[in-house]
Amino acid sequence: MVTRARGFTLLEVLIALLVFGLIATAAAEVGSQYISSFERVRDKTLAGWIAENRINELRLQESLPGTSENSEDTEFGTYRWQVTTVVQGTAEPSMRRIEVTVAKYPDDQENPFPVHTLSAFLGEK
């Protein structure tokens, strides 16, 4: 009686490795997209809070701000941000249009990239 060895052929093993390789590649791509999406949502949320805080600071001032444009750097949530505030006049002299643009500095770089812009109108109290 002859016993035949049982097992996988080289071709079957190579096909199995190919299938597992394709699955691993797809899983890595999904993971990468998830991380990128998470970072984008985190940055938008933090930048939105910074912009709202800046507009509320202007609302709490005793007088209506004059027309101007200024930028300042700030630390928020372990990140460095550039906050640009533009105060514009309107057709109504007792109102101002405020536009706050928040840009994030990438790690150890000097050129920030814009993340969020928020506009509001302020009137005399």
PDB file of N, CA and C in Angstrom:
ATOM      1  N   MET A   1       0.835  -1.162   0.000  1.00  0.00           N
ATOM      2  CA  MET A   1       0.000   0.000   0.000  1.00  0.00           C
ATOM      3  C   MET A   1       0.888   1.236   0.000  1.00  0.00           C
ATOM      4  N   VAL A   2       0.618   2.143  -0.930  1.00  0.00           N
ATOM      5  CA  VAL A   2       1.403   3.344  -1.094  1.00  0.00           C
ATOM      6  C   VAL A   2       0.644   4.493  -0.433  1.00  0.00           C
ATOM      7  N   THR A   3       1.336   5.213   0.429  1.00  0.00           N
ATOM      8  CA  THR A   3       0.696   6.379   1.054  1.00  0.00           C
ATOM      9  C   THR A   3       1.201   7.625   0.340  1.00  0.00           C
ATOM     10  N   ARG A   4       0.289   8.454   0.035  1.00  0.00           N
ATOM     11  CA  ARG A   4       0.640   9.719  -0.620  1.00  0.00           C
ATOM     12  C   ARG A   4       0.765  10.807   0.434  1.00  0.00           C
ATOM     13  N   ALA A   5       1.753  11.623   0.301  1.00  0.00           N
ATOM     14  CA  ALA A   5       1.928  12.744   1.224  1.00  0.00           C
ATOM     15  C   ALA A   5       0.840  13.770   0.942  1.00  0.00           C
ATOM     16  N   ARG A   6       0.301  14.266   2.001  1.00  0.00           N
ATOM     17  CA  ARG A   6      -0.746  15.283   1.840  1.00  0.00           C
ATOM     18  C   ARG A   6      -0.170  16.638   2.220  1.00  0.00           C
ATOM     19  N   GLY A   7      -0.633  17.671   1.573  1.00  0.00           N
ATOM     20  CA  GLY A   7      -0.159  19.022   1.853  1.00  0.00           C
ATOM     21  C   GLY A   7      -0.490  19.926   0.690  1.00  0.00           C
ATOM     22  N   PHE A   8       0.021  21.129   0.768  1.00  0.00           N
ATOM     23  CA  PHE A   8      -0.235  22.117  -0.268  1.00  0.00           C
ATOM     24  C   PHE A   8       0.902  22.109  -1.276  1.00  0.00           C
ATOM     25  N   THR A   9       0.518  22.354  -2.507  1.00  0.00           N
ATOM     26  CA  THR A   9       1.540  22.490  -3.533  1.00  0.00           C
ATOM     27  C   THR A   9       2.118  23.900  -3.467  1.00  0.00           C
ATOM     28  N   LEU A  10       3.243  24.083  -4.093  1.00  0.00           N
ATOM     29  CA  LEU A  10       3.878  25.395  -4.104  1.00  0.00           C
ATOM     30  C   LEU A  10       2.954  26.440  -4.726  1.00  0.00           C
ATOM     31  N   LEU A  11       2.234  26.076  -5.756  1.00  0.00           N
ATOM     32  CA  LEU A  11       1.316  26.999  -6.415  1.00  0.00           C
ATOM     33  C   LEU A  11       0.200  27.427  -5.468  1.00  0.00           C
ATOM     34  N   GLU A  12      -0.347  26.488  -4.712  1.00  0.00           N
ATOM     35  CA  GLU A  12      -1.408  26.824  -3.753  1.00  0.00           C
ATOM     36  C   GLU A  12      -0.889  27.770  -2.669  1.00  0.00           C
ATOM     37  N   VAL A  13       0.309  27.555  -2.203  1.00  0.00           N
ATOM     38  CA  VAL A  13       0.895  28.421  -1.179  1.00  0.00           C
ATOM     39  C   VAL A  13       1.107  29.828  -1.741  1.00  0.00           C
ATOM     40  N   LEU A  14       1.597  29.924  -2.970  1.00  0.00           N
ATOM     41  CA  LEU A  14       1.813  31.235  -3.575  1.00  0.00           C
ATOM     42  C   LEU A  14       0.501  31.994  -3.776  1.00  0.00           C
ATOM     43  N   ILE A  15      -0.539  31.301  -4.172  1.00  0.00           N
ATOM     44  CA  ILE A  15      -1.850  31.946  -4.351  1.00  0.00           C
ATOM     45  C   ILE A  15      -2.385  32.417  -2.996  1.00  0.00           C
ATOM     46  N   ALA A  16      -2.227  31.597  -1.960  1.00  0.00           N
ATOM     47  CA  ALA A  16      -2.666  32.000  -0.623  1.00  0.00           C
ATOM     48  C   ALA A  16      -1.901  33.239  -0.142  1.00  0.00           C
ATOM     49  N   LEU A  17      -0.589  33.289  -0.384  1.00  0.00           N
ATOM     50  CA  LEU A  17       0.202  34.456   0.000  1.00  0.00           C
ATOM     51  C   LEU A  17      -0.238  35.697  -0.763  1.00  0.00           C
ATOM     52  N   LEU A  18      -0.569  35.536  -2.040  1.00  0.00           N
ATOM     53  CA  LEU A  18      -1.060  36.649  -2.839  1.00  0.00           C
ATOM     54  C   LEU A  18      -2.363  37.197  -2.272  1.00  0.00           C
ATOM     55  N   VAL A  19      -3.287  36.306  -1.941  1.00  0.00           N
ATOM     56  CA  VAL A  19      -4.578  36.727  -1.381  1.00  0.00           C
ATOM     57  C   VAL A  19      -4.368  37.455  -0.054  1.00  0.00           C
ATOM     58  N   PHE A  20      -3.548  36.900   0.832  1.00  0.00           N
ATOM     59  CA  PHE A  20      -3.296  37.552   2.116  1.00  0.00           C
ATOM     60  C   PHE A  20      -2.586  38.883   1.925  1.00  0.00           C
ATOM     61  N   GLY A  21      -1.711  38.973   0.950  1.00  0.00           N
ATOM     62  CA  GLY A  21      -1.028  40.237   0.661  1.00  0.00           C
ATOM     63  C   GLY A  21      -1.997  41.311   0.194  1.00  0.00           C
ATOM     64  N   LEU A  22      -2.944  40.929  -0.664  1.00  0.00           N
ATOM     65  CA  LEU A  22      -3.947  41.882  -1.132  1.00  0.00           C
ATOM     66  C   LEU A  22      -4.837  42.355   0.015  1.00  0.00           C
ATOM     67  N   ILE A  23      -5.221  41.431   0.881  1.00  0.00           N
ATOM     68  CA  ILE A  23      -6.052  41.793   2.039  1.00  0.00           C
ATOM     69  C   ILE A  23      -5.286  42.738   2.969  1.00  0.00           C
ATOM     70  N   ALA A  24      -4.007  42.463   3.215  1.00  0.00           N
ATOM     71  CA  ALA A  24      -3.198  43.319   4.087  1.00  0.00           C
ATOM     72  C   ALA A  24      -3.031  44.711   3.486  1.00  0.00           C
ATOM     73  N   THR A  25      -2.839  44.785   2.173  1.00  0.00           N
ATOM     74  CA  THR A  25      -2.705  46.079   1.509  1.00  0.00           C
ATOM     75  C   THR A  25      -3.993  46.886   1.636  1.00  0.00           C
ATOM     76  N   ALA A  26      -5.126  46.245   1.419  1.00  0.00           N
ATOM     77  CA  ALA A  26      -6.411  46.936   1.543  1.00  0.00           C
ATOM     78  C   ALA A  26      -6.642  47.400   2.978  1.00  0.00           C
ATOM     79  N   ALA A  27      -6.299  46.569   3.954  1.00  0.00           N
ATOM     80  CA  ALA A  27      -6.469  46.952   5.361  1.00  0.00           C
ATOM     81  C   ALA A  27      -5.571  48.136   5.719  1.00  0.00           C
ATOM     82  N   ALA A  28      -4.353  48.157   5.218  1.00  0.00           N
ATOM     83  CA  ALA A  28      -3.444  49.270   5.487  1.00  0.00           C
ATOM     84  C   ALA A  28      -3.976  50.558   4.871  1.00  0.00           C
ATOM     85  N   GLU A  29      -4.545  50.488   3.685  1.00  0.00           N
ATOM     86  CA  GLU A  29      -5.108  51.667   3.030  1.00  0.00           C
ATOM     87  C   GLU A  29      -6.299  52.214   3.819  1.00  0.00           C
ATOM     88  N   VAL A  30      -7.167  51.339   4.286  1.00  0.00           N
ATOM     89  CA  VAL A  30      -8.319  51.762   5.087  1.00  0.00           C
ATOM     90  C   VAL A  30      -7.843  52.421   6.380  1.00  0.00           C
ATOM     91  N   GLY A  31      -6.849  51.835   7.020  1.00  0.00           N
ATOM     92  CA  GLY A  31      -6.302  52.408   8.251  1.00  0.00           C
ATOM     93  C   GLY A  31      -5.699  53.778   8.008  1.00  0.00           C
ATOM     94  N   SER A  32      -5.004  53.942   6.914  1.00  0.00           N
ATOM     95  CA  SER A  32      -4.399  55.228   6.567  1.00  0.00           C
ATOM     96  C   SER A  32      -5.468  56.285   6.328  1.00  0.00           C
ATOM     97  N   GLN A  33      -6.521  55.935   5.624  1.00  0.00           N
ATOM     98  CA  GLN A  33      -7.608  56.871   5.373  1.00  0.00           C
ATOM     99  C   GLN A  33      -8.315  57.258   6.673  1.00  0.00           C
ATOM    100  N   TYR A  34      -8.461  56.310   7.586  1.00  0.00           N
ATOM    101  CA  TYR A  34      -9.098  56.585   8.869  1.00  0.00           C
ATOM    102  C   TYR A  34      -8.269  57.592   9.662  1.00  0.00           C
ATOM    103  N   ILE A  35      -6.969  57.401   9.702  1.00  0.00           N
ATOM    104  CA  ILE A  35      -6.087  58.303  10.448  1.00  0.00           C
ATOM    105  C   ILE A  35      -6.117  59.692   9.828  1.00  0.00           C
ATOM    106  N   SER A  36      -6.063  59.769   8.512  1.00  0.00           N
ATOM    107  CA  SER A  36      -6.097  61.051   7.823  1.00  0.00           C
ATOM    108  C   SER A  36      -7.419  61.774   8.086  1.00  0.00           C
ATOM    109  N   SER A  37      -8.518  61.047   8.052  1.00  0.00           N
ATOM    110  CA  SER A  37      -9.831  61.631   8.319  1.00  0.00           C
ATOM    111  C   SER A  37      -9.919  62.122   9.761  1.00  0.00           C
ATOM    112  N   PHE A  38      -9.415  61.350  10.688  1.00  0.00           N
ATOM    113  CA  PHE A  38      -9.422  61.743  12.100  1.00  0.00           C
ATOM    114  C   PHE A  38      -8.639  63.039  12.297  1.00  0.00           C
ATOM    115  N   GLU A  39      -7.461  63.142  11.701  1.00  0.00           N
ATOM    116  CA  GLU A  39      -6.631  64.340  11.848  1.00  0.00           C
ATOM    117  C   GLU A  39      -7.326  65.561  11.245  1.00  0.00           C
ATOM    118  N   ARG A  40      -7.993  65.393  10.118  1.00  0.00           N
ATOM    119  CA  ARG A  40      -8.696  66.494   9.478  1.00  0.00           C
ATOM    120  C   ARG A  40      -9.854  66.988  10.355  1.00  0.00           C
ATOM    121  N   VAL A  41     -10.620  66.065  10.919  1.00  0.00           N
ATOM    122  CA  VAL A  41     -11.736  66.440  11.788  1.00  0.00           C
ATOM    123  C   VAL A  41     -11.220  67.106  13.062  1.00  0.00           C
ATOM    124  N   ARG A  42     -10.142  66.578  13.637  1.00  0.00           N
ATOM    125  CA  ARG A  42      -9.556  67.165  14.845  1.00  0.00           C
ATOM    126  C   ARG A  42      -9.107  68.597  14.577  1.00  0.00           C
ATOM    127  N   ASP A  43      -8.392  68.812  13.469  1.00  0.00           N
ATOM    128  CA  ASP A  43      -7.905  70.142  13.142  1.00  0.00           C
ATOM    129  C   ASP A  43      -9.057  71.114  12.891  1.00  0.00           C
ATOM    130  N   LYS A  44     -10.090  70.684  12.162  1.00  0.00           N
ATOM    131  CA  LYS A  44     -11.241  71.545  11.902  1.00  0.00           C
ATOM    132  C   LYS A  44     -11.958  71.913  13.201  1.00  0.00           C
ATOM    133  N   THR A  45     -12.075  70.967  14.112  1.00  0.00           N
ATOM    134  CA  THR A  45     -12.748  71.232  15.387  1.00  0.00           C
ATOM    135  C   THR A  45     -11.959  72.244  16.215  1.00  0.00           C
ATOM    136  N   LEU A  46     -10.654  72.026  16.370  1.00  0.00           N
ATOM    137  CA  LEU A  46      -9.836  72.946  17.145  1.00  0.00           C
ATOM    138  C   LEU A  46      -9.806  74.337  16.506  1.00  0.00           C
ATOM    139  N   ALA A  47      -9.667  74.392  15.193  1.00  0.00           N
ATOM    140  CA  ALA A  47      -9.642  75.678  14.494  1.00  0.00           C
ATOM    141  C   ALA A  47     -10.986  76.406  14.634  1.00  0.00           C
ATOM    142  N   GLY A  48     -12.083  75.673  14.607  1.00  0.00           N
ATOM    143  CA  GLY A  48     -13.410  76.273  14.806  1.00  0.00           C
ATOM    144  C   GLY A  48     -13.538  76.886  16.186  1.00  0.00           C
ATOM    145  N   TRP A  49     -13.042  76.191  17.201  1.00  0.00           N
ATOM    146  CA  TRP A  49     -13.079  76.732  18.563  1.00  0.00           C
ATOM    147  C   TRP A  49     -12.244  78.008  18.669  1.00  0.00           C
ATOM    148  N   ILE A  50     -11.065  77.997  18.060  1.00  0.00           N
ATOM    149  CA  ILE A  50     -10.195  79.181  18.105  1.00  0.00           C
ATOM    150  C   ILE A  50     -10.892  80.365  17.439  1.00  0.00           C
ATOM    151  N   ALA A  51     -11.497  80.150  16.273  1.00  0.00           N
ATOM    152  CA  ALA A  51     -12.176  81.228  15.547  1.00  0.00           C
ATOM    153  C   ALA A  51     -13.364  81.759  16.352  1.00  0.00           C
ATOM    154  N   GLU A  52     -14.149  80.869  16.940  1.00  0.00           N
ATOM    155  CA  GLU A  52     -15.281  81.305  17.760  1.00  0.00           C
ATOM    156  C   GLU A  52     -14.810  82.093  18.975  1.00  0.00           C
ATOM    157  N   ASN A  53     -13.726  81.649  19.600  1.00  0.00           N
ATOM    158  CA  ASN A  53     -13.183  82.371  20.747  1.00  0.00           C
ATOM    159  C   ASN A  53     -12.767  83.786  20.353  1.00  0.00           C
ATOM    160  N   ARG A  54     -12.123  83.921  19.201  1.00  0.00           N
ATOM    161  CA  ARG A  54     -11.666  85.241  18.756  1.00  0.00           C
ATOM    162  C   ARG A  54     -12.840  86.167  18.483  1.00  0.00           C
ATOM    163  N   ILE A  55     -13.879  85.667  17.835  1.00  0.00           N
ATOM    164  CA  ILE A  55     -15.061  86.496  17.567  1.00  0.00           C
ATOM    165  C   ILE A  55     -15.739  86.883  18.875  1.00  0.00           C
ATOM    166  N   ASN A  56     -15.810  85.962  19.827  1.00  0.00           N
ATOM    167  CA  ASN A  56     -16.413  86.283  21.125  1.00  0.00           C
ATOM    168  C   ASN A  56     -15.586  87.311  21.890  1.00  0.00           C
ATOM    169  N   GLU A  57     -14.265  87.266  21.755  1.00  0.00           N
ATOM    170  CA  GLU A  57     -13.428  88.300  22.381  1.00  0.00           C
ATOM    171  C   GLU A  57     -13.794  89.676  21.835  1.00  0.00           C
ATOM    172  N   LEU A  58     -14.004  89.767  20.522  1.00  0.00           N
ATOM    173  CA  LEU A  58     -14.379  91.045  19.919  1.00  0.00           C
ATOM    174  C   LEU A  58     -15.773  91.472  20.363  1.00  0.00           C
ATOM    175  N   ARG A  59     -16.682  90.531  20.519  1.00  0.00           N
ATOM    176  CA  ARG A  59     -18.039  90.847  20.978  1.00  0.00           C
ATOM    177  C   ARG A  59     -18.039  91.401  22.403  1.00  0.00           C
ATOM    178  N   LEU A  60     -17.110  90.944  23.216  1.00  0.00           N
ATOM    179  CA  LEU A  60     -17.063  91.363  24.614  1.00  0.00           C
ATOM    180  C   LEU A  60     -16.388  92.717  24.819  1.00  0.00           C
ATOM    181  N   GLN A  61     -15.779  93.257  23.776  1.00  0.00           N
ATOM    182  CA  GLN A  61     -15.166  94.577  23.918  1.00  0.00           C
ATOM    183  C   GLN A  61     -16.245  95.627  24.146  1.00  0.00           C
ATOM    184  N   GLU A  62     -15.859  96.688  24.857  1.00  0.00           N
ATOM    185  CA  GLU A  62     -16.810  97.758  25.170  1.00  0.00           C
ATOM    186  C   GLU A  62     -17.245  98.534  23.932  1.00  0.00           C
ATOM    187  N   SER A  63     -16.342  98.720  22.986  1.00  0.00           N
ATOM    188  CA  SER A  63     -16.672  99.508  21.798  1.00  0.00           C
ATOM    189  C   SER A  63     -16.519  98.656  20.545  1.00  0.00           C
ATOM    190  N   LEU A  64     -17.106  99.146  19.478  1.00  0.00           N
ATOM    191  CA  LEU A  64     -17.032  98.464  18.192  1.00  0.00           C
ATOM    192  C   LEU A  64     -15.599  98.532  17.674  1.00  0.00           C
ATOM    193  N   PRO A  65     -15.017  97.435  17.220  1.00  0.00           N
ATOM    194  CA  PRO A  65     -13.626  97.493  16.744  1.00  0.00           C
ATOM    195  C   PRO A  65     -13.518  98.294  15.449  1.00  0.00           C
ATOM    196  N   GLY A  66     -12.381  98.940  15.281  1.00  0.00           N
ATOM    197  CA  GLY A  66     -12.124  99.672  14.048  1.00  0.00           C
ATOM    198  C   GLY A  66     -11.721  98.715  12.940  1.00  0.00           C
ATOM    199  N   THR A  67     -11.791  99.175  11.708  1.00  0.00           N
ATOM    200  CA  THR A  67     -11.396  98.314  10.596  1.00  0.00           C
ATOM    201  C   THR A  67      -9.889  98.060  10.676  1.00  0.00           C
ATOM    202  N   SER A  68      -9.529  96.823  10.534  1.00  0.00           N
ATOM    203  CA  SER A  68      -8.114  96.447  10.648  1.00  0.00           C
ATOM    204  C   SER A  68      -7.919  95.020  10.164  1.00  0.00           C
ATOM    205  N   GLU A  69      -6.649  94.637  10.090  1.00  0.00           N
ATOM    206  CA  GLU A  69      -6.284  93.242   9.800  1.00  0.00           C
ATOM    207  C   GLU A  69      -5.038  92.935  10.608  1.00  0.00           C
ATOM    208  N   ASN A  70      -5.083  91.853  11.387  1.00  0.00           N
ATOM    209  CA  ASN A  70      -3.896  91.462  12.154  1.00  0.00           C
ATOM    210  C   ASN A  70      -3.813  89.949  12.264  1.00  0.00           C
ATOM    211  N   SER A  71      -2.595  89.487  12.475  1.00  0.00           N
ATOM    212  CA  SER A  71      -2.335  88.057  12.654  1.00  0.00           C
ATOM    213  C   SER A  71      -1.551  87.874  13.936  1.00  0.00           C
ATOM    214  N   GLU A  72      -1.865  86.794  14.613  1.00  0.00           N
ATOM    215  CA  GLU A  72      -1.108  86.452  15.819  1.00  0.00           C
ATOM    216  C   GLU A  72      -1.000  84.939  15.907  1.00  0.00           C
ATOM    217  N   ASP A  73       0.095  84.492  16.495  1.00  0.00           N
ATOM    218  CA  ASP A  73       0.298  83.058  16.700  1.00  0.00           C
ATOM    219  C   ASP A  73      -0.191  82.689  18.088  1.00  0.00           C
ATOM    220  N   THR A  74      -0.730  81.489  18.209  1.00  0.00           N
ATOM    221  CA  THR A  74      -1.220  81.013  19.491  1.00  0.00           C
ATOM    222  C   THR A  74      -0.984  79.517  19.609  1.00  0.00           C
ATOM    223  N   GLU A  75      -0.915  79.048  20.830  1.00  0.00           N
ATOM    224  CA  GLU A  75      -0.819  77.618  21.118  1.00  0.00           C
ATOM    225  C   GLU A  75      -2.193  77.159  21.587  1.00  0.00           C
ATOM    226  N   PHE A  76      -2.675  76.075  21.016  1.00  0.00           N
ATOM    227  CA  PHE A  76      -3.977  75.542  21.417  1.00  0.00           C
ATOM    228  C   PHE A  76      -3.990  74.053  21.121  1.00  0.00           C
ATOM    229  N   GLY A  77      -4.263  73.249  22.130  1.00  0.00           N
ATOM    230  CA  GLY A  77      -4.347  71.802  21.928  1.00  0.00           C
ATOM    231  C   GLY A  77      -3.042  71.175  21.497  1.00  0.00           C
ATOM    232  N   THR A  78      -1.955  71.615  22.030  1.00  0.00           N
ATOM    233  CA  THR A  78      -0.590  71.145  21.731  1.00  0.00           C
ATOM    234  C   THR A  78      -0.138  71.460  20.301  1.00  0.00           C
ATOM    235  N   TYR A  79      -0.843  72.333  19.622  1.00  0.00           N
ATOM    236  CA  TYR A  79      -0.478  72.713  18.260  1.00  0.00           C
ATOM    237  C   TYR A  79      -0.271  74.220  18.201  1.00  0.00           C
ATOM    238  N   ARG A  80       0.446  74.664  17.201  1.00  0.00           N
ATOM    239  CA  ARG A  80       0.680  76.088  16.979  1.00  0.00           C
ATOM    240  C   ARG A  80      -0.190  76.550  15.821  1.00  0.00           C
ATOM    241  N   TRP A  81      -0.880  77.677  16.029  1.00  0.00           N
ATOM    242  CA  TRP A  81      -1.843  78.179  15.061  1.00  0.00           C
ATOM    243  C   TRP A  81      -1.546  79.639  14.744  1.00  0.00           C
ATOM    244  N   GLN A  82      -1.930  80.054  13.552  1.00  0.00           N
ATOM    245  CA  GLN A  82      -1.904  81.467  13.184  1.00  0.00           C
ATOM    246  C   GLN A  82      -3.354  81.917  13.032  1.00  0.00           C
ATOM    247  N   VAL A  83      -3.724  82.960  13.782  1.00  0.00           N
ATOM    248  CA  VAL A  83      -5.092  83.475  13.756  1.00  0.00           C
ATOM    249  C   VAL A  83      -5.063  84.846  13.092  1.00  0.00           C
ATOM    250  N   THR A  84      -5.730  84.954  11.949  1.00  0.00           N
ATOM    251  CA  THR A  84      -5.793  86.219  11.217  1.00  0.00           C
ATOM    252  C   THR A  84      -7.205  86.773  11.335  1.00  0.00           C
ATOM    253  N   THR A  85      -7.298  87.993  11.860  1.00  0.00           N
ATOM    254  CA  THR A  85      -8.592  88.646  12.065  1.00  0.00           C
ATOM    255  C   THR A  85      -8.685  89.849  11.140  1.00  0.00           C
ATOM    256  N   VAL A  86      -9.742  89.881  10.330  1.00  0.00           N
ATOM    257  CA  VAL A  86      -9.985  91.007   9.429  1.00  0.00           C
ATOM    258  C   VAL A  86     -11.306  91.647   9.855  1.00  0.00           C
ATOM    259  N   VAL A  87     -11.241  92.947  10.202  1.00  0.00           N
ATOM    260  CA  VAL A  87     -12.440  93.705  10.569  1.00  0.00           C
ATOM    261  C   VAL A  87     -12.702  94.683   9.438  1.00  0.00           C
ATOM    262  N   GLN A  88     -13.879  94.558   8.831  1.00  0.00           N
ATOM    263  CA  GLN A  88     -14.239  95.409   7.692  1.00  0.00           C
ATOM    264  C   GLN A  88     -15.465  96.227   8.032  1.00  0.00           C
ATOM    265  N   GLY A  89     -15.535  97.404   7.445  1.00  0.00           N
ATOM    266  CA  GLY A  89     -16.724  98.221   7.584  1.00  0.00           C
ATOM    267  C   GLY A  89     -17.836  97.678   6.695  1.00  0.00           C
ATOM    268  N   THR A  90     -19.048  98.101   6.984  1.00  0.00           N
ATOM    269  CA  THR A  90     -20.210  97.700   6.181  1.00  0.00           C
ATOM    270  C   THR A  90     -20.945  98.965   5.727  1.00  0.00           C
ATOM    271  N   ALA A  91     -22.003  98.793   4.951  1.00  0.00           N
ATOM    272  CA  ALA A  91     -22.815  99.932   4.519  1.00  0.00           C
ATOM    273  C   ALA A  91     -23.470 100.602   5.725  1.00  0.00           C
ATOM    274  N   GLU A  92     -23.700  99.839   6.774  1.00  0.00           N
ATOM    275  CA  GLU A  92     -24.252 100.375   8.019  1.00  0.00           C
ATOM    276  C   GLU A  92     -23.084 100.764   8.924  1.00  0.00           C
ATOM    277  N   PRO A  93     -22.900 102.043   9.239  1.00  0.00           N
ATOM    278  CA  PRO A  93     -21.728 102.479  10.012  1.00  0.00           C
ATOM    279  C   PRO A  93     -21.642 101.880  11.416  1.00  0.00           C
ATOM    280  N   SER A  94     -22.740 101.426  11.963  1.00  0.00           N
ATOM    281  CA  SER A  94     -22.722 100.872  13.324  1.00  0.00           C
ATOM    282  C   SER A  94     -22.500  99.359  13.332  1.00  0.00           C
ATOM    283  N   MET A  95     -22.079  98.794  12.189  1.00  0.00           N
ATOM    284  CA  MET A  95     -21.820  97.351  12.108  1.00  0.00           C
ATOM    285  C   MET A  95     -20.455  97.104  11.479  1.00  0.00           C
ATOM    286  N   ARG A  96     -19.865  95.971  11.862  1.00  0.00           N
ATOM    287  CA  ARG A  96     -18.599  95.532  11.291  1.00  0.00           C
ATOM    288  C   ARG A  96     -18.717  94.075  10.877  1.00  0.00           C
ATOM    289  N   ARG A  97     -18.032  93.745   9.793  1.00  0.00           N
ATOM    290  CA  ARG A  97     -17.937  92.345   9.359  1.00  0.00           C
ATOM    291  C   ARG A  97     -16.595  91.821   9.836  1.00  0.00           C
ATOM    292  N   ILE A  98     -16.625  90.698  10.557  1.00  0.00           N
ATOM    293  CA  ILE A  98     -15.422  90.082  11.099  1.00  0.00           C
ATOM    294  C   ILE A  98     -15.189  88.767  10.356  1.00  0.00           C
ATOM    295  N   GLU A  99     -13.955  88.569   9.910  1.00  0.00           N
ATOM    296  CA  GLU A  99     -13.582  87.285   9.306  1.00  0.00           C
ATOM    297  C   GLU A  99     -12.311  86.794   9.997  1.00  0.00           C
ATOM    298  N   VAL A 100     -12.408  85.621  10.591  1.00  0.00           N
ATOM    299  CA  VAL A 100     -11.282  85.025  11.300  1.00  0.00           C
ATOM    300  C   VAL A 100     -10.843  83.783  10.525  1.00  0.00           C
ATOM    301  N   THR A 101      -9.578  83.753  10.131  1.00  0.00           N
ATOM    302  CA  THR A 101      -9.002  82.602   9.441  1.00  0.00           C
ATOM    303  C   THR A 101      -7.969  81.974  10.356  1.00  0.00           C
ATOM    304  N   VAL A 102      -8.108  80.672  10.576  1.00  0.00           N
ATOM    305  CA  VAL A 102      -7.190  79.941  11.449  1.00  0.00           C
ATOM    306  C   VAL A 102      -6.379  78.986  10.583  1.00  0.00           C
ATOM    307  N   ALA A 103      -5.056  79.094  10.710  1.00  0.00           N
ATOM    308  CA  ALA A 103      -4.138  78.241   9.948  1.00  0.00           C
ATOM    309  C   ALA A 103      -3.256  77.481  10.932  1.00  0.00           C
ATOM    310  N   LYS A 104      -2.931  76.245  10.596  1.00  0.00           N
ATOM    311  CA  LYS A 104      -2.122  75.393  11.476  1.00  0.00           C
ATOM    312  C   LYS A 104      -0.703  75.306  10.936  1.00  0.00           C
ATOM    313  N   TYR A 105       0.244  75.434  11.847  1.00  0.00           N
ATOM    314  CA  TYR A 105       1.644  75.236  11.484  1.00  0.00           C
ATOM    315  C   TYR A 105       1.941  73.746  11.493  1.00  0.00           C
ATOM    316  N   PRO A 106       2.418  73.197  10.377  1.00  0.00           N
ATOM    317  CA  PRO A 106       2.868  71.794  10.406  1.00  0.00           C
ATOM    318  C   PRO A 106       4.074  71.682  11.343  1.00  0.00           C
ATOM    319  N   ASP A 107       4.366  70.505  11.794  1.00  0.00           N
ATOM    320  CA  ASP A 107       5.463  70.282  12.739  1.00  0.00           C
ATOM    321  C   ASP A 107       6.751  70.913  12.245  1.00  0.00           C
ATOM    322  N   ASP A 108       7.292  71.823  13.049  1.00  0.00           N
ATOM    323  CA  ASP A 108       8.594  72.455  12.801  1.00  0.00           C
ATOM    324  C   ASP A 108       8.694  73.133  11.440  1.00  0.00           C
ATOM    325  N   GLN A 109       7.601  73.708  10.957  1.00  0.00           N
ATOM    326  CA  GLN A 109       7.647  74.439   9.695  1.00  0.00           C
ATOM    327  C   GLN A 109       7.137  75.856   9.913  1.00  0.00           C
ATOM    328  N   GLU A 110       7.495  76.745   9.034  1.00  0.00           N
ATOM    329  CA  GLU A 110       7.164  78.153   9.208  1.00  0.00           C
ATOM    330  C   GLU A 110       5.945  78.599   8.405  1.00  0.00           C
ATOM    331  N   ASN A 111       5.493  77.827   7.453  1.00  0.00           N
ATOM    332  CA  ASN A 111       4.358  78.228   6.624  1.00  0.00           C
ATOM    333  C   ASN A 111       3.106  77.471   7.040  1.00  0.00           C
ATOM    334  N   PRO A 112       2.136  78.165   7.668  1.00  0.00           N
ATOM    335  CA  PRO A 112       0.911  77.474   8.082  1.00  0.00           C
ATOM    336  C   PRO A 112      -0.018  77.235   6.896  1.00  0.00           C
ATOM    337  N   PHE A 113      -0.885  76.236   7.034  1.00  0.00           N
ATOM    338  CA  PHE A 113      -1.895  75.997   6.006  1.00  0.00           C
ATOM    339  C   PHE A 113      -3.271  76.286   6.602  1.00  0.00           C
ATOM    340  N   PRO A 114      -4.149  76.986   5.854  1.00  0.00           N
ATOM    341  CA  PRO A 114      -5.460  77.364   6.390  1.00  0.00           C
ATOM    342  C   PRO A 114      -6.323  76.133   6.664  1.00  0.00           C
ATOM    343  N   VAL A 115      -7.017  76.186   7.795  1.00  0.00           N
ATOM    344  CA  VAL A 115      -7.861  75.067   8.197  1.00  0.00           C
ATOM    345  C   VAL A 115      -9.331  75.474   8.257  1.00  0.00           C
ATOM    346  N   HIS A 116      -9.596  76.695   8.756  1.00  0.00           N
ATOM    347  CA  HIS A 116     -10.984  77.083   8.996  1.00  0.00           C
ATOM    348  C   HIS A 116     -11.126  78.596   8.887  1.00  0.00           C
ATOM    349  N   THR A 117     -12.236  79.060   8.338  1.00  0.00           N
ATOM    350  CA  THR A 117     -12.561  80.484   8.281  1.00  0.00           C
ATOM    351  C   THR A 117     -13.979  80.670   8.806  1.00  0.00           C
ATOM    352  N   LEU A 118     -14.143  81.680   9.663  1.00  0.00           N
ATOM    353  CA  LEU A 118     -15.448  81.961  10.258  1.00  0.00           C
ATOM    354  C   LEU A 118     -15.733  83.443  10.112  1.00  0.00           C
ATOM    355  N   SER A 119     -16.950  83.788   9.689  1.00  0.00           N
ATOM    356  CA  SER A 119     -17.345  85.187   9.525  1.00  0.00           C
ATOM    357  C   SER A 119     -18.502  85.503  10.467  1.00  0.00           C
ATOM    358  N   ALA A 120     -18.559  86.768  10.885  1.00  0.00           N
ATOM    359  CA  ALA A 120     -19.644  87.206  11.764  1.00  0.00           C
ATOM    360  C   ALA A 120     -19.832  88.712  11.571  1.00  0.00           C
ATOM    361  N   PHE A 121     -20.948  89.201  12.048  1.00  0.00           N
ATOM    362  CA  PHE A 121     -21.215  90.635  12.041  1.00  0.00           C
ATOM    363  C   PHE A 121     -21.387  91.101  13.479  1.00  0.00           C
ATOM    364  N   LEU A 122     -20.779  92.247  13.769  1.00  0.00           N
ATOM    365  CA  LEU A 122     -20.905  92.846  15.101  1.00  0.00           C
ATOM    366  C   LEU A 122     -21.559  94.202  14.963  1.00  0.00           C
ATOM    367  N   GLY A 123     -22.455  94.529  15.882  1.00  0.00           N
ATOM    368  CA  GLY A 123     -23.098  95.826  15.895  1.00  0.00           C
ATOM    369  C   GLY A 123     -22.883  96.524  17.210  1.00  0.00           C
ATOM    370  N   GLU A 124     -23.157  97.807  17.245  1.00  0.00           N
ATOM    371  CA  GLU A 124     -23.023  98.560  18.487  1.00  0.00           C
ATOM    372  C   GLU A 124     -24.050  98.064  19.490  1.00  0.00           C
ATOM    373  N   LYS A 125     -23.667  98.139  20.744  1.00  0.00           N
ATOM    374  CA  LYS A 125     -24.561  97.645  21.806  1.00  0.00           C
ATOM    375  C   LYS A 125     -25.558  98.680  22.212  1.00  0.00           C
TER     376      LYS A 125
END
